[in-house]
């Protein structure tokens, strides 16, 4: 059995009573409020995500999430707003002229990098349900000089009403773990992809048995990204 460890989002304190799993609607509302507030603060708050806060750039380099070349392309705001746990653009086979859809685009860090890869003849689509994050991502793309290559869709990624078969590749960075209905997300991803389309995901996965109380604690703070993590298997 795993020992209790300090979670990434705050001090570990064993709850007095077992917390029951939150309803999907409650989870989504909590996440939306939290991420909108983070966007309003301009990414100044530190949290569970490795790129959050003032140490974001040094962490990205130290742990190989983003290269020096990547960081040189990114506005400072994009780095500060990142809530990712990896860099899907580093292993996604994004090609010039393609259309790339970013599910849960947040502040736009991966949109910028994907937009550079698709070039002036390609397009990136940022999908997110947090209005303030979308507004920040628009600002980021403008600062990067890439507004002409991006389209934004404000909606829940479990139910995006986007046309089928329009994207060559879909990417997602530390977002699917936040979604209560993961099969719904995957359905929408595969719907948006063209035949033969590709998918690159960076996300949170738990490995091995997790103590029940620890798991339930994280489920009680689902927006901290661990509560909804899928299990390795």
Protein backbone atom coordinates (compact mmCIF):
# COMPACT_ATOMS: atom_id res chain seq x y z
CA UNK A 1 0.00 0.00 0.00
CA UNK A 2 1.36 3.43 -0.91
CA UNK A 3 2.20 5.84 1.86
CA UNK A 4 0.53 9.21 2.03
CA UNK A 5 2.62 11.87 0.37
CA UNK A 6 2.26 15.58 0.07
CA UNK A 7 0.09 16.15 -3.01
CA UNK A 8 1.17 18.55 -5.71
CA UNK A 9 -1.69 20.93 -5.01
CA UNK A 10 -1.23 21.50 -1.30
CA UNK A 11 -0.49 19.97 2.06
CA UNK A 12 -1.74 16.43 2.54
CA UNK A 13 -4.27 16.18 5.33
CA UNK A 14 -6.26 13.03 5.80
CA UNK A 15 -9.97 13.96 5.62
CA UNK A 16 -12.03 13.29 8.70
CA UNK A 17 -14.61 11.52 6.62
CA UNK A 18 -14.41 9.78 3.30
CA UNK A 19 -15.28 12.25 0.56
CA UNK A 20 -17.80 11.02 -1.95
CA UNK A 21 -17.05 11.47 -5.65
CA UNK A 22 -18.35 14.72 -7.01
CA UNK A 23 -21.09 14.90 -9.60
CA UNK A 24 -19.95 15.66 -13.13
CA UNK A 25 -21.68 19.05 -13.25
CA UNK A 26 -20.07 20.10 -9.97
CA UNK A 27 -16.65 19.01 -11.19
CA UNK A 28 -16.96 20.97 -14.42
CA UNK A 29 -18.15 24.13 -12.68
CA UNK A 30 -15.32 23.96 -10.16
CA UNK A 31 -12.75 23.52 -12.92
CA UNK A 32 -14.18 26.37 -14.98
CA UNK A 33 -14.15 28.76 -12.02
CA UNK A 34 -10.62 27.77 -11.03
CA UNK A 35 -9.16 28.13 -14.51
CA UNK A 36 -10.98 31.37 -15.24
CA UNK A 37 -9.57 32.81 -12.02
CA UNK A 38 -6.09 31.61 -12.95
CA UNK A 39 -6.46 33.29 -16.34
CA UNK A 40 -7.59 36.56 -14.74
CA UNK A 41 -4.48 36.49 -12.55
CA UNK A 42 -2.34 36.11 -15.65
CA UNK A 43 -0.88 32.83 -14.48
CA UNK A 44 0.71 34.32 -11.38
CA UNK A 45 -0.49 31.59 -9.02
CA UNK A 46 1.53 28.45 -8.51
CA UNK A 47 -0.20 25.11 -8.23
CA UNK A 48 0.05 21.45 -9.08
CA UNK A 49 1.03 22.00 -12.69
CA UNK A 50 4.80 22.11 -13.26
CA UNK A 51 4.69 25.17 -15.50
CA UNK A 52 2.57 27.28 -13.18
CA UNK A 53 4.02 30.43 -11.66
CA UNK A 54 7.29 32.31 -11.79
CA UNK A 55 9.54 29.24 -12.06
CA UNK A 56 7.76 27.94 -15.15
CA UNK A 57 10.51 28.58 -17.70
CA UNK A 58 13.34 27.12 -15.62
CA UNK A 59 11.24 24.05 -14.81
CA UNK A 60 10.42 23.53 -18.48
CA UNK A 61 14.09 23.53 -19.41
CA UNK A 62 15.30 21.51 -16.44
CA UNK A 63 12.82 18.71 -17.05
CA UNK A 64 12.91 18.78 -20.83
CA UNK A 65 9.25 19.69 -21.31
CA UNK A 66 10.02 22.54 -23.68
CA UNK A 67 13.31 23.18 -25.43
CA UNK A 68 15.14 26.49 -25.54
CA UNK A 69 13.99 26.78 -29.15
CA UNK A 70 10.37 26.26 -28.07
CA UNK A 71 10.59 28.84 -25.30
CA UNK A 72 12.07 31.39 -27.71
CA UNK A 73 8.86 31.19 -29.75
CA UNK A 74 6.55 31.64 -26.77
CA UNK A 75 5.28 34.89 -25.27
CA UNK A 76 5.97 35.07 -21.54
CA UNK A 77 2.23 35.05 -20.89
CA UNK A 78 1.86 31.70 -22.65
CA UNK A 79 4.47 30.13 -20.37
CA UNK A 80 2.94 31.61 -17.21
CA UNK A 81 -0.55 30.45 -18.20
CA UNK A 82 0.45 26.88 -18.94
CA UNK A 83 -1.24 24.22 -16.82
CA UNK A 84 0.26 21.33 -18.74
CA UNK A 85 2.15 18.26 -17.62
CA UNK A 86 4.16 17.75 -20.80
CA UNK A 87 4.56 18.94 -24.37
CA UNK A 88 2.45 17.05 -26.92
CA UNK A 89 3.84 19.10 -29.80
CA UNK A 90 7.27 17.57 -29.16
CA UNK A 91 6.12 14.10 -30.22
CA UNK A 92 3.16 14.98 -32.42
CA UNK A 93 3.93 14.57 -36.11
CA UNK A 94 2.61 18.00 -37.08
CA UNK A 95 3.26 18.89 -40.71
CA UNK A 96 3.11 22.13 -42.72
CA UNK A 97 -0.33 22.96 -44.08
CA UNK A 98 -2.22 20.75 -41.62
CA UNK A 99 -5.12 21.52 -39.29
CA UNK A 100 -4.44 20.78 -35.61
CA UNK A 101 -7.14 20.82 -32.91
CA UNK A 102 -6.06 21.44 -29.31
CA UNK A 103 -8.61 19.99 -26.88
CA UNK A 104 -8.46 22.10 -23.73
CA UNK A 105 -6.13 24.71 -25.20
CA UNK A 106 -5.97 26.82 -22.05
CA UNK A 107 -3.70 29.83 -22.41
CA UNK A 108 -2.40 28.70 -25.78
CA UNK A 109 1.16 27.49 -25.16
CA UNK A 110 0.77 24.46 -27.43
CA UNK A 111 -1.30 26.42 -29.95
CA UNK A 112 1.68 28.71 -30.54
CA UNK A 113 4.07 25.83 -31.13
CA UNK A 114 1.58 23.95 -33.31
CA UNK A 115 0.90 27.10 -35.34
CA UNK A 116 4.60 27.44 -36.10
CA UNK A 117 4.71 23.82 -37.23
CA UNK A 118 1.69 24.05 -39.57
CA UNK A 119 3.01 27.26 -41.07
CA UNK A 120 1.08 29.98 -42.92
CA UNK A 121 -0.90 27.46 -44.98
CA UNK A 122 -2.12 25.54 -41.93
CA UNK A 123 -4.47 26.26 -39.06
CA UNK A 124 -4.82 25.48 -35.36
CA UNK A 125 -8.13 25.21 -33.52
CA UNK A 126 -8.23 25.95 -29.80
CA UNK A 127 -11.13 24.39 -27.90
CA UNK A 128 -11.79 25.27 -24.26
CA UNK A 129 -14.77 25.87 -21.98
CA UNK A 130 -13.18 28.54 -19.75
CA UNK A 131 -14.00 31.97 -21.28
CA UNK A 132 -11.15 33.82 -19.61
CA UNK A 133 -8.65 31.23 -20.81
CA UNK A 134 -9.88 31.66 -24.38
CA UNK A 135 -9.43 35.43 -24.07
CA UNK A 136 -5.91 34.97 -22.74
CA UNK A 137 -5.10 32.51 -25.52
CA UNK A 138 -6.25 35.09 -28.08
CA UNK A 139 -3.89 37.59 -26.47
CA UNK A 140 -1.05 35.06 -26.57
CA UNK A 141 -1.60 34.30 -30.25
CA UNK A 142 -1.69 38.01 -31.04
CA UNK A 143 1.59 38.59 -29.17
CA UNK A 144 3.11 35.67 -31.08
CA UNK A 145 1.95 37.17 -34.39
CA UNK A 146 -0.11 34.08 -35.18
CA UNK A 147 -3.70 35.31 -34.96
CA UNK A 148 -4.24 34.56 -38.64
CA UNK A 149 -3.58 30.85 -38.08
CA UNK A 150 -5.95 30.18 -35.18
CA UNK A 151 -9.65 29.62 -34.63
CA UNK A 152 -11.18 29.39 -31.16
CA UNK A 153 -14.21 27.41 -30.06
CA UNK A 154 -15.64 28.11 -26.60
CA UNK A 155 -17.33 24.94 -25.40
CA UNK A 156 -17.12 21.82 -23.27
CA UNK A 157 -14.69 19.37 -24.89
CA UNK A 158 -16.99 16.50 -23.93
CA UNK A 159 -19.63 17.95 -26.25
CA UNK A 160 -18.00 20.12 -28.90
CA UNK A 161 -20.30 20.88 -31.80
CA UNK A 162 -17.58 21.01 -34.40
CA UNK A 163 -17.69 19.61 -37.94
CA UNK A 164 -16.51 16.04 -38.42
CA UNK A 165 -13.32 15.15 -40.27
CA UNK A 166 -11.67 18.58 -40.27
CA UNK A 167 -8.40 18.02 -38.35
CA UNK A 168 -5.28 16.14 -39.35
CA UNK A 169 -4.13 15.88 -35.76
CA UNK A 170 -5.54 16.46 -32.27
CA UNK A 171 -3.43 17.32 -29.26
CA UNK A 172 -4.24 17.65 -25.56
CA UNK A 173 -2.10 18.57 -22.55
CA UNK A 174 -3.14 17.61 -19.01
CA UNK A 175 -6.84 18.10 -19.72
CA UNK A 176 -8.53 14.73 -20.20
CA UNK A 177 -7.81 13.85 -16.57
CA UNK A 178 -10.09 16.75 -15.63
CA UNK A 179 -13.02 15.42 -17.63
CA UNK A 180 -15.63 13.28 -15.83
CA UNK A 181 -16.62 11.49 -19.06
CA UNK A 182 -13.40 10.48 -20.75
CA UNK A 183 -15.10 8.29 -23.40
CA UNK A 184 -17.09 11.38 -24.41
CA UNK A 185 -13.88 13.32 -24.99
CA UNK A 186 -12.29 10.56 -27.03
CA UNK A 187 -15.43 10.29 -29.16
CA UNK A 188 -15.30 14.00 -29.97
CA UNK A 189 -11.58 13.80 -30.71
CA UNK A 190 -12.02 10.93 -33.14
CA UNK A 191 -15.03 12.64 -34.72
CA UNK A 192 -13.05 15.79 -35.47
CA UNK A 193 -10.16 13.86 -37.02
CA UNK A 194 -9.96 13.12 -40.70
CA UNK A 195 -9.56 9.47 -41.74
CA UNK A 196 -6.03 8.51 -40.80
CA UNK A 197 -5.82 11.44 -38.39
CA UNK A 198 -3.39 11.41 -35.48
CA UNK A 199 -3.62 12.03 -31.74
CA UNK A 200 -0.91 13.20 -29.31
CA UNK A 201 -1.77 13.39 -25.61
CA UNK A 202 0.20 14.34 -22.52
CA UNK A 203 -1.74 13.54 -19.36
CA UNK A 204 -1.72 12.25 -15.79
CA UNK A 205 -1.75 8.48 -15.22
CA UNK A 206 -1.59 6.68 -11.88
CA UNK A 207 0.71 3.67 -11.65
CA UNK A 208 0.06 0.86 -9.20
CA UNK A 209 -2.35 0.73 -6.29
CA UNK A 210 -3.25 4.02 -4.65
CA UNK A 211 -4.43 4.10 -1.06
CA UNK A 212 -8.21 4.49 -1.00
CA UNK A 213 -8.18 7.52 1.30
CA UNK A 214 -5.55 9.26 -0.79
CA UNK A 215 -7.52 8.60 -3.99
CA UNK A 216 -10.73 9.87 -2.41
CA UNK A 217 -8.92 12.97 -1.16
CA UNK A 218 -7.76 13.78 -4.67
CA UNK A 219 -11.24 13.08 -6.03
CA UNK A 220 -12.56 15.67 -3.58
CA UNK A 221 -10.26 18.27 -5.23
CA UNK A 222 -10.73 16.97 -8.78
CA UNK A 223 -9.60 20.22 -10.38
CA UNK A 224 -6.13 19.55 -8.97
CA UNK A 225 -5.63 17.15 -11.92
CA UNK A 226 -4.97 13.92 -9.99
CA UNK A 227 -8.52 13.06 -8.94
CA UNK A 228 -9.57 12.19 -12.47
CA UNK A 229 -6.34 10.58 -13.61
CA UNK A 230 -6.73 7.29 -15.43
CA UNK A 231 -5.00 4.15 -14.23
CA UNK A 232 -2.17 2.54 -16.14
CA UNK A 233 -3.31 -0.63 -17.84
